[in-house]
Amino acid sequence: MPQPNDRLSRIRDILTEAFAPVSLEITDDSGKHAGHAGARPEGETHYTVRISSAAFQGLSRVQMQRAVLTALKPEFDTGLHALALHANSA
C-alpha cells in the first residue's frame, strides 16, 4: 500500500495502526512557526497531537510520550521538527 504524501495523513496512519485510538486529533501548526528553528518554507514541521487510547492503560505520561515518539521516528527522521503531545488512556 503506498504511503500518503502529506505528513498529517502519515502521522494519522502511524498512530492509528500503533495505538488504535478512541480519539485522535492532529493539527498542523507549522504556519505559526515560520522563521523559527526547524521550520521549513514548505511547512509540515510542527504539529499538535491529542490522542486517547486503551493502549496507554497503566503507562505513565513519560511512557505514553516515548511510545508515540518512537512510533513517529520515521517522520522525525524526515523533517518533523516538533510535536506538542497530549496523550491519555481511554
C-alpha atoms as a PDB file:
ATOM      1  CA  MET A   1       0.000   0.000   0.000  1.00  0.00           C
ATOM      2  CA  PRO A   2       1.513   3.363  -0.996  1.00  0.00           C
ATOM      3  CA  GLN A   3       2.321   5.912   1.700  1.00  0.00           C
ATOM      4  CA  PRO A   4       0.315   9.141   1.702  1.00  0.00           C
ATOM      5  CA  ASN A   5       2.266  12.162   0.505  1.00  0.00           C
ATOM      6  CA  ASP A   6       1.318  14.570   3.260  1.00  0.00           C
ATOM      7  CA  ARG A   7       2.783  14.294   6.749  1.00  0.00           C
ATOM      8  CA  LEU A   8      -0.519  14.789   8.590  1.00  0.00           C
ATOM      9  CA  SER A   9      -2.010  11.733   6.863  1.00  0.00           C
ATOM     10  CA  ARG A  10       1.102   9.675   7.577  1.00  0.00           C
ATOM     11  CA  ILE A  11       1.033  10.687  11.265  1.00  0.00           C
ATOM     12  CA  ARG A  12      -2.666   9.728  11.432  1.00  0.00           C
ATOM     13  CA  ASP A  13      -1.989   6.361   9.772  1.00  0.00           C
ATOM     14  CA  ILE A  14       1.001   5.567  12.002  1.00  0.00           C
ATOM     15  CA  LEU A  15      -0.775   6.446  15.245  1.00  0.00           C
ATOM     16  CA  THR A  16      -3.979   4.658  14.235  1.00  0.00           C
ATOM     17  CA  GLU A  17      -2.076   1.472  13.404  1.00  0.00           C
ATOM     18  CA  ALA A  18       0.134   1.605  16.503  1.00  0.00           C
ATOM     19  CA  PHE A  19      -2.432   2.593  19.135  1.00  0.00           C
ATOM     20  CA  ALA A  20      -5.992   2.102  17.750  1.00  0.00           C
ATOM     21  CA  PRO A  21      -7.021   5.376  19.411  1.00  0.00           C
ATOM     22  CA  VAL A  22     -10.584   6.055  20.522  1.00  0.00           C
ATOM     23  CA  SER A  23      -9.908   9.699  19.701  1.00  0.00           C
ATOM     24  CA  LEU A  24      -7.197  11.326  17.641  1.00  0.00           C
ATOM     25  CA  GLU A  25      -6.843  14.980  16.689  1.00  0.00           C
ATOM     26  CA  ILE A  26      -3.865  16.242  14.704  1.00  0.00           C
ATOM     27  CA  THR A  27      -3.233  19.898  13.930  1.00  0.00           C
ATOM     28  CA  ASP A  28      -0.530  21.230  11.619  1.00  0.00           C
ATOM     29  CA  ASP A  29       0.908  24.230  13.482  1.00  0.00           C
ATOM     30  CA  SER A  30       3.738  24.833  11.013  1.00  0.00           C
ATOM     31  CA  GLY A  31       2.412  28.197   9.863  1.00  0.00           C
ATOM     32  CA  LYS A  32       2.714  29.541  13.406  1.00  0.00           C
ATOM     33  CA  HIS A  33       6.430  28.688  13.422  1.00  0.00           C
ATOM     34  CA  ALA A  34       7.578  30.226  10.142  1.00  0.00           C
ATOM     35  CA  GLY A  35      11.084  31.570  10.595  1.00  0.00           C
ATOM     36  CA  HIS A  36      11.698  29.563  13.768  1.00  0.00           C
ATOM     37  CA  ALA A  37      14.277  26.816  14.232  1.00  0.00           C
ATOM     38  CA  GLY A  38      13.324  23.675  12.364  1.00  0.00           C
ATOM     39  CA  ALA A  39      10.655  25.391  10.256  1.00  0.00           C
ATOM     40  CA  ARG A  40      10.790  24.886   6.511  1.00  0.00           C
ATOM     41  CA  PRO A  41       9.133  27.032   3.835  1.00  0.00           C
ATOM     42  CA  GLU A  42       7.036  24.053   2.677  1.00  0.00           C
ATOM     43  CA  GLY A  43       5.731  23.511   6.226  1.00  0.00           C
ATOM     44  CA  GLU A  44       4.846  20.106   7.713  1.00  0.00           C
ATOM     45  CA  THR A  45       7.311  20.560  10.600  1.00  0.00           C
ATOM     46  CA  HIS A  46       5.265  21.403  13.729  1.00  0.00           C
ATOM     47  CA  TYR A  47       2.163  19.534  14.911  1.00  0.00           C
ATOM     48  CA  THR A  48      -0.124  19.143  17.895  1.00  0.00           C
ATOM     49  CA  VAL A  49      -1.472  15.650  18.590  1.00  0.00           C
ATOM     50  CA  ARG A  50      -4.261  14.801  21.014  1.00  0.00           C
ATOM     51  CA  ILE A  51      -4.639  11.050  21.385  1.00  0.00           C
ATOM     52  CA  SER A  52      -6.620   8.796  23.706  1.00  0.00           C
ATOM     53  CA  SER A  53      -6.059   5.038  23.564  1.00  0.00           C
ATOM     54  CA  ALA A  54      -6.589   1.920  25.654  1.00  0.00           C
ATOM     55  CA  ALA A  55      -3.036   1.006  24.612  1.00  0.00           C
ATOM     56  CA  PHE A  56      -1.852   3.611  27.123  1.00  0.00           C
ATOM     57  CA  GLN A  57      -3.538   1.922  30.124  1.00  0.00           C
ATOM     58  CA  GLY A  58      -1.079   1.659  33.006  1.00  0.00           C
ATOM     59  CA  LEU A  59       1.570   3.810  31.345  1.00  0.00           C
ATOM     60  CA  SER A  60       2.986   6.971  32.870  1.00  0.00           C
ATOM     61  CA  ARG A  61       2.827  10.218  30.901  1.00  0.00           C
ATOM     62  CA  VAL A  62       6.513   9.801  30.016  1.00  0.00           C
ATOM     63  CA  GLN A  63       5.932   6.232  28.802  1.00  0.00           C
ATOM     64  CA  MET A  64       2.996   7.361  26.637  1.00  0.00           C
ATOM     65  CA  GLN A  65       5.114  10.145  25.139  1.00  0.00           C
ATOM     66  CA  ARG A  66       8.007   7.780  24.446  1.00  0.00           C
ATOM     67  CA  ALA A  67       5.675   5.298  22.742  1.00  0.00           C
ATOM     68  CA  VAL A  68       4.251   7.984  20.453  1.00  0.00           C
ATOM     69  CA  LEU A  69       7.664   9.493  19.678  1.00  0.00           C
ATOM     70  CA  THR A  70       9.071   6.040  18.888  1.00  0.00           C
ATOM     71  CA  ALA A  71       6.178   5.312  16.537  1.00  0.00           C
ATOM     72  CA  LEU A  72       6.748   8.647  14.777  1.00  0.00           C
ATOM     73  CA  LYS A  73      10.541   8.272  14.490  1.00  0.00           C
ATOM     74  CA  PRO A  74      10.404   7.909  10.674  1.00  0.00           C
ATOM     75  CA  GLU A  75       8.642  11.276  10.484  1.00  0.00           C
ATOM     76  CA  PHE A  76      11.178  12.945  12.786  1.00  0.00           C
ATOM     77  CA  ASP A  77      13.937  11.448  10.639  1.00  0.00           C
ATOM     78  CA  THR A  78      12.445  13.090   7.538  1.00  0.00           C
ATOM     79  CA  GLY A  79      11.670  16.624   8.719  1.00  0.00           C
ATOM     80  CA  LEU A  80       9.124  16.574  11.531  1.00  0.00           C
ATOM     81  CA  HIS A  81      10.666  19.021  13.987  1.00  0.00           C
ATOM     82  CA  ALA A  82       8.262  19.500  16.895  1.00  0.00           C
ATOM     83  CA  LEU A  83       5.278  17.719  18.379  1.00  0.00           C
ATOM     84  CA  ALA A  84       3.028  19.071  21.122  1.00  0.00           C
ATOM     85  CA  LEU A  85       1.584  15.867  22.535  1.00  0.00           C
ATOM     86  CA  HIS A  86      -1.471  15.393  24.734  1.00  0.00           C
ATOM     87  CA  ALA A  87      -1.918  11.657  25.387  1.00  0.00           C
ATOM     88  CA  ASN A  88      -4.133   9.777  27.804  1.00  0.00           C
ATOM     89  CA  SER A  89      -5.555   6.321  28.322  1.00  0.00           C
ATOM     90  CA  ALA A  90      -9.102   5.598  27.221  1.00  0.00           C
END
